[in-house]
Amino acid sequence: MNPENQSESAESTSTAAGAGSGLPLRGLAMVLIAVAVLLVMWGLYAATQNTDSDGDQAAPATTTEVVETRAEQPTAPAEETTEEAPEETTTEEEADATDATDATEEETTEAPAPAPAPAPADEPSRLNVINNSTVPNLAADVADRMRADGYEVGEVGNLADHILPENTVFFQPGNAEAEQRARELAERVGGVAREYESFLPENTDGRNDLTLVLVNQVAL
């Protein structure tokens, strides 16, 4: 073989080898660059996420501090408002009217109370004796004996329009003392005690009067 041909073939072989080794180096360089870009992007993404999470966690603390600050601020006391009462003005006429009223009240207070009316004198406790029997002068005879016993005798007469069944002593209703005396006298004459009736003769309706109506004779 010719030496020149050998050298040319050697150069062709080396060139082909260099061209074959150059392609894998470029691919590796591109892969490394791509990995580096991905790592940088991942680092930026991670940093952004950390910043957002830190901001979310710090927000409640800030709100709490604001609330605490507002709570600690003292509330200003409400201003007291006082209204001045209007001054009272009295005219001369009002003053004169007030003096006149005071004078009238003093006169009314100092006026002596009227003296009480004298109590009416007690009515006498009389005994009226009425004949309601067929015995003549029975009322007059009994009246004389009652005077002798200390009774103050009032009317003495007859009752012809009304017939009673037994000796009866009448008294005014509501007078407890007269009722008691009527019952005692009725027991003495053997009769009964009753409240006053309108059929009795006139002048026998005194407040303290007792009216003895005789139907039967009595032993006094």
C-alpha atoms as a PDB file:
ATOM      1  CA  MET A   1       0.000   0.000   0.000  1.00  0.00           C
ATOM      2  CA  ASN A   2       1.046   3.534  -0.708  1.00  0.00           C
ATOM      3  CA  PRO A   3       2.140   5.496   2.364  1.00  0.00           C
ATOM      4  CA  GLU A   4       0.116   8.471   1.275  1.00  0.00           C
ATOM      5  CA  ASN A   5      -2.970   6.394   1.017  1.00  0.00           C
ATOM      6  CA  GLN A   6      -2.374   5.082   4.569  1.00  0.00           C
ATOM      7  CA  SER A   7      -2.114   8.571   5.969  1.00  0.00           C
ATOM      8  CA  GLU A   8      -5.314   9.696   4.288  1.00  0.00           C
ATOM      9  CA  SER A   9      -7.177   6.717   5.570  1.00  0.00           C
ATOM     10  CA  ALA A  10      -5.885   7.417   9.084  1.00  0.00           C
ATOM     11  CA  GLU A  11      -7.066  11.007   8.966  1.00  0.00           C
ATOM     12  CA  SER A  12     -10.488   9.920   7.739  1.00  0.00           C
ATOM     13  CA  THR A  13     -10.724   7.461  10.560  1.00  0.00           C
ATOM     14  CA  SER A  14      -9.818  10.043  13.227  1.00  0.00           C
ATOM     15  CA  THR A  15     -12.234  12.578  11.816  1.00  0.00           C
ATOM     16  CA  ALA A  16     -15.026  10.064  11.841  1.00  0.00           C
ATOM     17  CA  ALA A  17     -14.162   9.153  15.438  1.00  0.00           C
ATOM     18  CA  GLY A  18     -14.180  12.807  16.509  1.00  0.00           C
ATOM     19  CA  ALA A  19     -17.505  13.353  14.852  1.00  0.00           C
ATOM     20  CA  GLY A  20     -18.953  10.294  16.570  1.00  0.00           C
ATOM     21  CA  SER A  21     -17.762  11.386  20.041  1.00  0.00           C
ATOM     22  CA  GLY A  22     -18.994  14.997  19.638  1.00  0.00           C
ATOM     23  CA  LEU A  23     -22.683  14.090  19.488  1.00  0.00           C
ATOM     24  CA  PRO A  24     -22.902  12.360  22.931  1.00  0.00           C
ATOM     25  CA  LEU A  25     -21.140  15.249  24.677  1.00  0.00           C
ATOM     26  CA  ARG A  26     -23.650  17.763  23.373  1.00  0.00           C
ATOM     27  CA  GLY A  27     -26.604  15.629  24.433  1.00  0.00           C
ATOM     28  CA  LEU A  28     -25.143  15.241  27.922  1.00  0.00           C
ATOM     29  CA  ALA A  29     -24.613  18.991  28.136  1.00  0.00           C
ATOM     30  CA  MET A  30     -28.246  19.633  27.134  1.00  0.00           C
ATOM     31  CA  VAL A  31     -29.512  17.174  29.724  1.00  0.00           C
ATOM     32  CA  LEU A  32     -27.453  18.810  32.453  1.00  0.00           C
ATOM     33  CA  ILE A  33     -28.709  22.251  31.467  1.00  0.00           C
ATOM     34  CA  ALA A  34     -32.301  21.023  31.501  1.00  0.00           C
ATOM     35  CA  VAL A  35     -31.802  19.462  34.958  1.00  0.00           C
ATOM     36  CA  ALA A  36     -30.274  22.691  36.224  1.00  0.00           C
ATOM     37  CA  VAL A  37     -33.221  24.709  34.903  1.00  0.00           C
ATOM     38  CA  LEU A  38     -35.658  22.306  36.573  1.00  0.00           C
ATOM     39  CA  LEU A  39     -33.804  22.559  39.884  1.00  0.00           C
ATOM     40  CA  VAL A  40     -33.848  26.352  39.724  1.00  0.00           C
ATOM     41  CA  MET A  41     -37.579  26.370  38.967  1.00  0.00           C
ATOM     42  CA  TRP A  42     -38.248  23.903  41.757  1.00  0.00           C
ATOM     43  CA  GLY A  43     -36.277  26.064  44.168  1.00  0.00           C
ATOM     44  CA  LEU A  44     -38.294  29.161  43.203  1.00  0.00           C
ATOM     45  CA  TYR A  45     -41.579  27.269  43.579  1.00  0.00           C
ATOM     46  CA  ALA A  46     -40.562  25.939  46.994  1.00  0.00           C
ATOM     47  CA  ALA A  47     -39.527  29.431  48.143  1.00  0.00           C
ATOM     48  CA  THR A  48     -42.875  30.871  46.984  1.00  0.00           C
ATOM     49  CA  GLN A  49     -44.848  28.210  48.890  1.00  0.00           C
ATOM     50  CA  ASN A  50     -42.854  28.851  52.077  1.00  0.00           C
ATOM     51  CA  THR A  51     -43.502  32.598  51.812  1.00  0.00           C
ATOM     52  CA  ASP A  52     -47.283  32.077  51.409  1.00  0.00           C
ATOM     53  CA  SER A  53     -47.455  29.678  54.356  1.00  0.00           C
ATOM     54  CA  ASP A  54     -45.491  32.093  56.551  1.00  0.00           C
ATOM     55  CA  GLY A  55     -47.866  34.920  55.607  1.00  0.00           C
ATOM     56  CA  ASP A  56     -50.948  32.838  56.464  1.00  0.00           C
ATOM     57  CA  GLN A  57     -49.550  31.861  59.846  1.00  0.00           C
ATOM     58  CA  ALA A  58     -48.542  35.389  60.756  1.00  0.00           C
ATOM     59  CA  ALA A  59     -51.922  36.976  59.923  1.00  0.00           C
ATOM     60  CA  PRO A  60     -53.873  35.704  63.042  1.00  0.00           C
ATOM     61  CA  ALA A  61     -51.093  36.903  65.302  1.00  0.00           C
ATOM     62  CA  THR A  62     -51.376  40.381  63.812  1.00  0.00           C
ATOM     63  CA  THR A  63     -55.171  40.377  64.266  1.00  0.00           C
ATOM     64  CA  THR A  64     -54.819  39.240  67.891  1.00  0.00           C
ATOM     65  CA  GLU A  65     -52.332  41.966  68.605  1.00  0.00           C
ATOM     66  CA  VAL A  66     -54.721  44.569  67.177  1.00  0.00           C
ATOM     67  CA  VAL A  67     -57.604  43.250  69.291  1.00  0.00           C
ATOM     68  CA  GLU A  68     -55.443  43.211  72.419  1.00  0.00           C
ATOM     69  CA  THR A  69     -54.287  46.745  71.700  1.00  0.00           C
ATOM     70  CA  ARG A  70     -57.859  47.941  71.342  1.00  0.00           C
ATOM     71  CA  ALA A  71     -58.896  46.162  74.542  1.00  0.00           C
ATOM     72  CA  GLU A  72     -56.078  47.764  76.476  1.00  0.00           C
ATOM     73  CA  GLN A  73     -57.040  51.258  75.386  1.00  0.00           C
ATOM     74  CA  PRO A  74     -59.049  52.840  78.247  1.00  0.00           C
ATOM     75  CA  THR A  75     -62.502  54.007  77.427  1.00  0.00           C
ATOM     76  CA  ALA A  76     -62.829  57.705  77.850  1.00  0.00           C
ATOM     77  CA  PRO A  77     -65.450  58.505  80.516  1.00  0.00           C
ATOM     78  CA  ALA A  78     -68.610  60.042  79.208  1.00  0.00           C
ATOM     79  CA  GLU A  79     -68.742  63.688  79.775  1.00  0.00           C
ATOM     80  CA  GLU A  80     -71.286  64.586  82.371  1.00  0.00           C
ATOM     81  CA  THR A  81     -73.681  67.184  81.219  1.00  0.00           C
ATOM     82  CA  THR A  82     -75.399  69.186  83.816  1.00  0.00           C
ATOM     83  CA  GLU A  83     -78.172  71.490  82.999  1.00  0.00           C
ATOM     84  CA  GLU A  84     -78.400  74.522  85.086  1.00  0.00           C
ATOM     85  CA  ALA A  85     -81.832  74.949  86.520  1.00  0.00           C
ATOM     86  CA  PRO A  86     -83.409  78.153  85.431  1.00  0.00           C
ATOM     87  CA  GLU A  87     -83.440  80.722  88.092  1.00  0.00           C
ATOM     88  CA  GLU A  88     -86.854  81.267  89.569  1.00  0.00           C
ATOM     89  CA  THR A  89     -88.040  84.779  89.391  1.00  0.00           C
ATOM     90  CA  THR A  90     -90.859  85.957  91.555  1.00  0.00           C
ATOM     91  CA  THR A  91     -92.709  89.090  90.781  1.00  0.00           C
ATOM     92  CA  GLU A  92     -94.098  91.443  93.355  1.00  0.00           C
ATOM     93  CA  GLU A  93     -97.632  90.203  92.706  1.00  0.00           C
ATOM     94  CA  GLU A  94     -96.623  86.578  93.319  1.00  0.00           C
ATOM     95  CA  ALA A  95     -94.840  87.572  96.503  1.00  0.00           C
ATOM     96  CA  ASP A  96     -97.919  89.434  97.731  1.00  0.00           C
ATOM     97  CA  ALA A  97    -100.125  86.440  96.894  1.00  0.00           C
ATOM     98  CA  THR A  98     -97.775  84.137  98.793  1.00  0.00           C
ATOM     99  CA  ASP A  99     -97.810  86.395 101.844  1.00  0.00           C
ATOM    100  CA  ALA A 100    -101.610  86.557 101.747  1.00  0.00           C
ATOM    101  CA  THR A 101    -101.844  82.767 101.534  1.00  0.00           C
ATOM    102  CA  ASP A 102     -99.457  82.332 104.472  1.00  0.00           C
ATOM    103  CA  ALA A 103    -101.464  84.820 106.524  1.00  0.00           C
ATOM    104  CA  THR A 104    -104.706  82.973 105.734  1.00  0.00           C
ATOM    105  CA  GLU A 105    -103.161  79.655 106.743  1.00  0.00           C
ATOM    106  CA  GLU A 106    -101.942  81.147 110.014  1.00  0.00           C
ATOM    107  CA  GLU A 107    -105.396  82.540 110.784  1.00  0.00           C
ATOM    108  CA  THR A 108    -106.988  79.183 109.966  1.00  0.00           C
ATOM    109  CA  THR A 109    -104.498  77.347 112.157  1.00  0.00           C
ATOM    110  CA  GLU A 110    -104.861  79.698 115.085  1.00  0.00           C
ATOM    111  CA  ALA A 111    -108.678  79.837 114.984  1.00  0.00           C
ATOM    112  CA  PRO A 112    -110.046  78.028 118.043  1.00  0.00           C
ATOM    113  CA  ALA A 113    -112.126  74.954 117.423  1.00  0.00           C
ATOM    114  CA  PRO A 114    -115.841  75.426 118.053  1.00  0.00           C
ATOM    115  CA  ALA A 115    -117.031  74.222 121.405  1.00  0.00           C
ATOM    116  CA  PRO A 116    -118.866  70.891 121.222  1.00  0.00           C
ATOM    117  CA  ALA A 117    -122.610  71.080 121.477  1.00  0.00           C
ATOM    118  CA  PRO A 118    -123.906  70.090 124.891  1.00  0.00           C
ATOM    119  CA  ALA A 119    -125.166  66.561 125.071  1.00  0.00           C
ATOM    120  CA  PRO A 120    -128.928  66.290 125.221  1.00  0.00           C
ATOM    121  CA  ALA A 121    -130.302  65.591 128.642  1.00  0.00           C
ATOM    122  CA  ASP A 122    -131.241  61.983 129.251  1.00  0.00           C
ATOM    123  CA  GLU A 123    -134.934  61.347 128.800  1.00  0.00           C
ATOM    124  CA  PRO A 124    -136.705  60.258 131.930  1.00  0.00           C
ATOM    125  CA  SER A 125    -137.406  56.587 132.436  1.00  0.00           C
ATOM    126  CA  ARG A 126    -141.176  56.671 132.724  1.00  0.00           C
ATOM    127  CA  LEU A 127    -143.646  53.830 133.222  1.00  0.00           C
ATOM    128  CA  ASN A 128    -146.899  54.084 131.286  1.00  0.00           C
ATOM    129  CA  VAL A 129    -149.742  51.917 132.610  1.00  0.00           C
ATOM    130  CA  ILE A 130    -152.529  50.923 130.204  1.00  0.00           C
ATOM    131  CA  ASN A 131    -155.664  48.901 131.000  1.00  0.00           C
ATOM    132  CA  ASN A 132    -156.559  46.228 128.430  1.00  0.00           C
ATOM    133  CA  SER A 133    -158.793  44.186 130.738  1.00  0.00           C
ATOM    134  CA  THR A 134    -162.439  44.224 131.792  1.00  0.00           C
ATOM    135  CA  VAL A 135    -161.501  45.225 135.355  1.00  0.00           C
ATOM    136  CA  PRO A 136    -162.402  48.880 136.004  1.00  0.00           C
ATOM    137  CA  ASN A 137    -159.643  51.243 137.261  1.00  0.00           C
ATOM    138  CA  LEU A 138    -157.058  48.453 137.040  1.00  0.00           C
ATOM    139  CA  ALA A 139    -154.485  50.751 135.406  1.00  0.00           C
ATOM    140  CA  ALA A 140    -154.972  53.525 138.010  1.00  0.00           C
ATOM    141  CA  ASP A 141    -154.632  51.130 140.939  1.00  0.00           C
ATOM    142  CA  VAL A 142    -151.444  49.541 139.558  1.00  0.00           C
ATOM    143  CA  ALA A 143    -150.009  52.998 138.756  1.00  0.00           C
ATOM    144  CA  ASP A 144    -150.435  54.110 142.356  1.00  0.00           C
ATOM    145  CA  ARG A 145    -148.602  51.028 143.631  1.00  0.00           C
ATOM    146  CA  MET A 146    -145.787  51.548 141.110  1.00  0.00           C
ATOM    147  CA  ARG A 147    -145.338  55.162 142.265  1.00  0.00           C
ATOM    148  CA  ALA A 148    -145.016  53.882 145.800  1.00  0.00           C
ATOM    149  CA  ASP A 149    -142.236  51.581 144.606  1.00  0.00           C
ATOM    150  CA  GLY A 150    -140.296  54.526 143.145  1.00  0.00           C
ATOM    151  CA  TYR A 151    -141.376  54.441 139.491  1.00  0.00           C
ATOM    152  CA  GLU A 152    -141.995  57.682 137.625  1.00  0.00           C
ATOM    153  CA  VAL A 153    -145.423  57.068 136.153  1.00  0.00           C
ATOM    154  CA  GLY A 154    -146.311  58.663 132.833  1.00  0.00           C
ATOM    155  CA  GLU A 155    -149.494  58.002 130.881  1.00  0.00           C
ATOM    156  CA  VAL A 156    -152.368  56.102 132.526  1.00  0.00           C
ATOM    157  CA  GLY A 157    -155.256  55.043 130.313  1.00  0.00           C
ATOM    158  CA  ASN A 158    -157.069  52.333 128.370  1.00  0.00           C
ATOM    159  CA  LEU A 159    -156.378  50.298 125.207  1.00  0.00           C
ATOM    160  CA  ALA A 160    -159.686  49.345 123.624  1.00  0.00           C
ATOM    161  CA  ASP A 161    -158.834  48.846 119.937  1.00  0.00           C
ATOM    162  CA  HIS A 162    -156.343  46.017 120.403  1.00  0.00           C
ATOM    163  CA  ILE A 163    -156.649  42.900 122.596  1.00  0.00           C
ATOM    164  CA  LEU A 164    -153.474  41.320 124.004  1.00  0.00           C
ATOM    165  CA  PRO A 165    -153.334  37.744 125.309  1.00  0.00           C
ATOM    166  CA  GLU A 166    -151.350  38.493 128.474  1.00  0.00           C
ATOM    167  CA  ASN A 167    -149.707  41.215 130.548  1.00  0.00           C
ATOM    168  CA  THR A 168    -147.043  42.818 128.336  1.00  0.00           C
ATOM    169  CA  VAL A 169    -144.241  45.322 128.950  1.00  0.00           C
ATOM    170  CA  PHE A 170    -143.212  47.253 125.812  1.00  0.00           C
ATOM    171  CA  PHE A 171    -139.767  48.859 125.311  1.00  0.00           C
ATOM    172  CA  GLN A 172    -138.117  50.822 122.507  1.00  0.00           C
ATOM    173  CA  PRO A 173    -136.021  48.664 120.142  1.00  0.00           C
ATOM    174  CA  GLY A 174    -132.269  49.172 120.279  1.00  0.00           C
ATOM    175  CA  ASN A 175    -132.312  50.294 123.913  1.00  0.00           C
ATOM    176  CA  ALA A 176    -130.588  47.519 125.835  1.00  0.00           C
ATOM    177  CA  GLU A 177    -131.066  49.150 129.227  1.00  0.00           C
ATOM    178  CA  ALA A 178    -134.799  49.646 128.673  1.00  0.00           C
ATOM    179  CA  GLU A 179    -135.108  46.059 127.447  1.00  0.00           C
ATOM    180  CA  GLN A 180    -133.455  44.770 130.597  1.00  0.00           C
ATOM    181  CA  ARG A 181    -135.827  46.798 132.813  1.00  0.00           C
ATOM    182  CA  ALA A 182    -138.820  45.599 130.743  1.00  0.00           C
ATOM    183  CA  ARG A 183    -137.883  41.950 131.251  1.00  0.00           C
ATOM    184  CA  GLU A 184    -137.511  42.430 135.012  1.00  0.00           C
ATOM    185  CA  LEU A 185    -140.912  44.147 135.243  1.00  0.00           C
ATOM    186  CA  ALA A 186    -142.561  41.507 133.024  1.00  0.00           C
ATOM    187  CA  GLU A 187    -141.328  38.783 135.343  1.00  0.00           C
ATOM    188  CA  ARG A 188    -142.738  40.718 138.302  1.00  0.00           C
ATOM    189  CA  VAL A 189    -146.233  41.098 136.770  1.00  0.00           C
ATOM    190  CA  GLY A 190    -146.293  37.604 135.305  1.00  0.00           C
ATOM    191  CA  GLY A 191    -146.130  38.659 131.667  1.00  0.00           C
ATOM    192  CA  VAL A 192    -143.744  39.076 128.696  1.00  0.00           C
ATOM    193  CA  ALA A 193    -141.495  41.855 127.271  1.00  0.00           C
ATOM    194  CA  ARG A 194    -141.877  43.040 123.660  1.00  0.00           C
ATOM    195  CA  GLU A 195    -140.667  45.838 121.410  1.00  0.00           C
ATOM    196  CA  TYR A 196    -142.837  48.911 121.065  1.00  0.00           C
ATOM    197  CA  GLU A 197    -145.887  48.647 118.748  1.00  0.00           C
ATOM    198  CA  SER A 198    -147.615  51.471 116.869  1.00  0.00           C
ATOM    199  CA  PHE A 199    -151.071  50.615 118.210  1.00  0.00           C
ATOM    200  CA  LEU A 200    -150.128  51.818 121.691  1.00  0.00           C
ATOM    201  CA  PRO A 201    -151.609  55.135 122.884  1.00  0.00           C
ATOM    202  CA  GLU A 202    -149.932  58.472 122.182  1.00  0.00           C
ATOM    203  CA  ASN A 203    -147.222  59.854 124.451  1.00  0.00           C
ATOM    204  CA  THR A 204    -145.968  56.350 125.278  1.00  0.00           C
ATOM    205  CA  ASP A 205    -143.129  56.262 122.742  1.00  0.00           C
ATOM    206  CA  GLY A 206    -140.398  57.902 124.809  1.00  0.00           C
ATOM    207  CA  ARG A 207    -136.873  56.608 124.307  1.00  0.00           C
ATOM    208  CA  ASN A 208    -136.596  55.264 127.849  1.00  0.00           C
ATOM    209  CA  ASP A 209    -140.316  54.633 128.398  1.00  0.00           C
ATOM    210  CA  LEU A 210    -141.757  51.293 129.472  1.00  0.00           C
ATOM    211  CA  THR A 211    -145.439  50.699 128.767  1.00  0.00           C
ATOM    212  CA  LEU A 212    -147.219  48.121 130.900  1.00  0.00           C
ATOM    213  CA  VAL A 213    -150.413  46.815 129.287  1.00  0.00           C
ATOM    214  CA  LEU A 214    -152.537  44.978 131.836  1.00  0.00           C
ATOM    215  CA  VAL A 215    -154.732  42.096 130.716  1.00  0.00           C
ATOM    216  CA  ASN A 216    -154.987  40.358 134.093  1.00  0.00           C
ATOM    217  CA  GLN A 217    -154.863  41.574 137.648  1.00  0.00           C
ATOM    218  CA  VAL A 218    -151.454  41.477 139.298  1.00  0.00           C
ATOM    219  CA  ALA A 219    -150.329  41.010 142.882  1.00  0.00           C
ATOM    220  CA  LEU A 220    -147.546  43.511 143.531  1.00  0.00           C
END
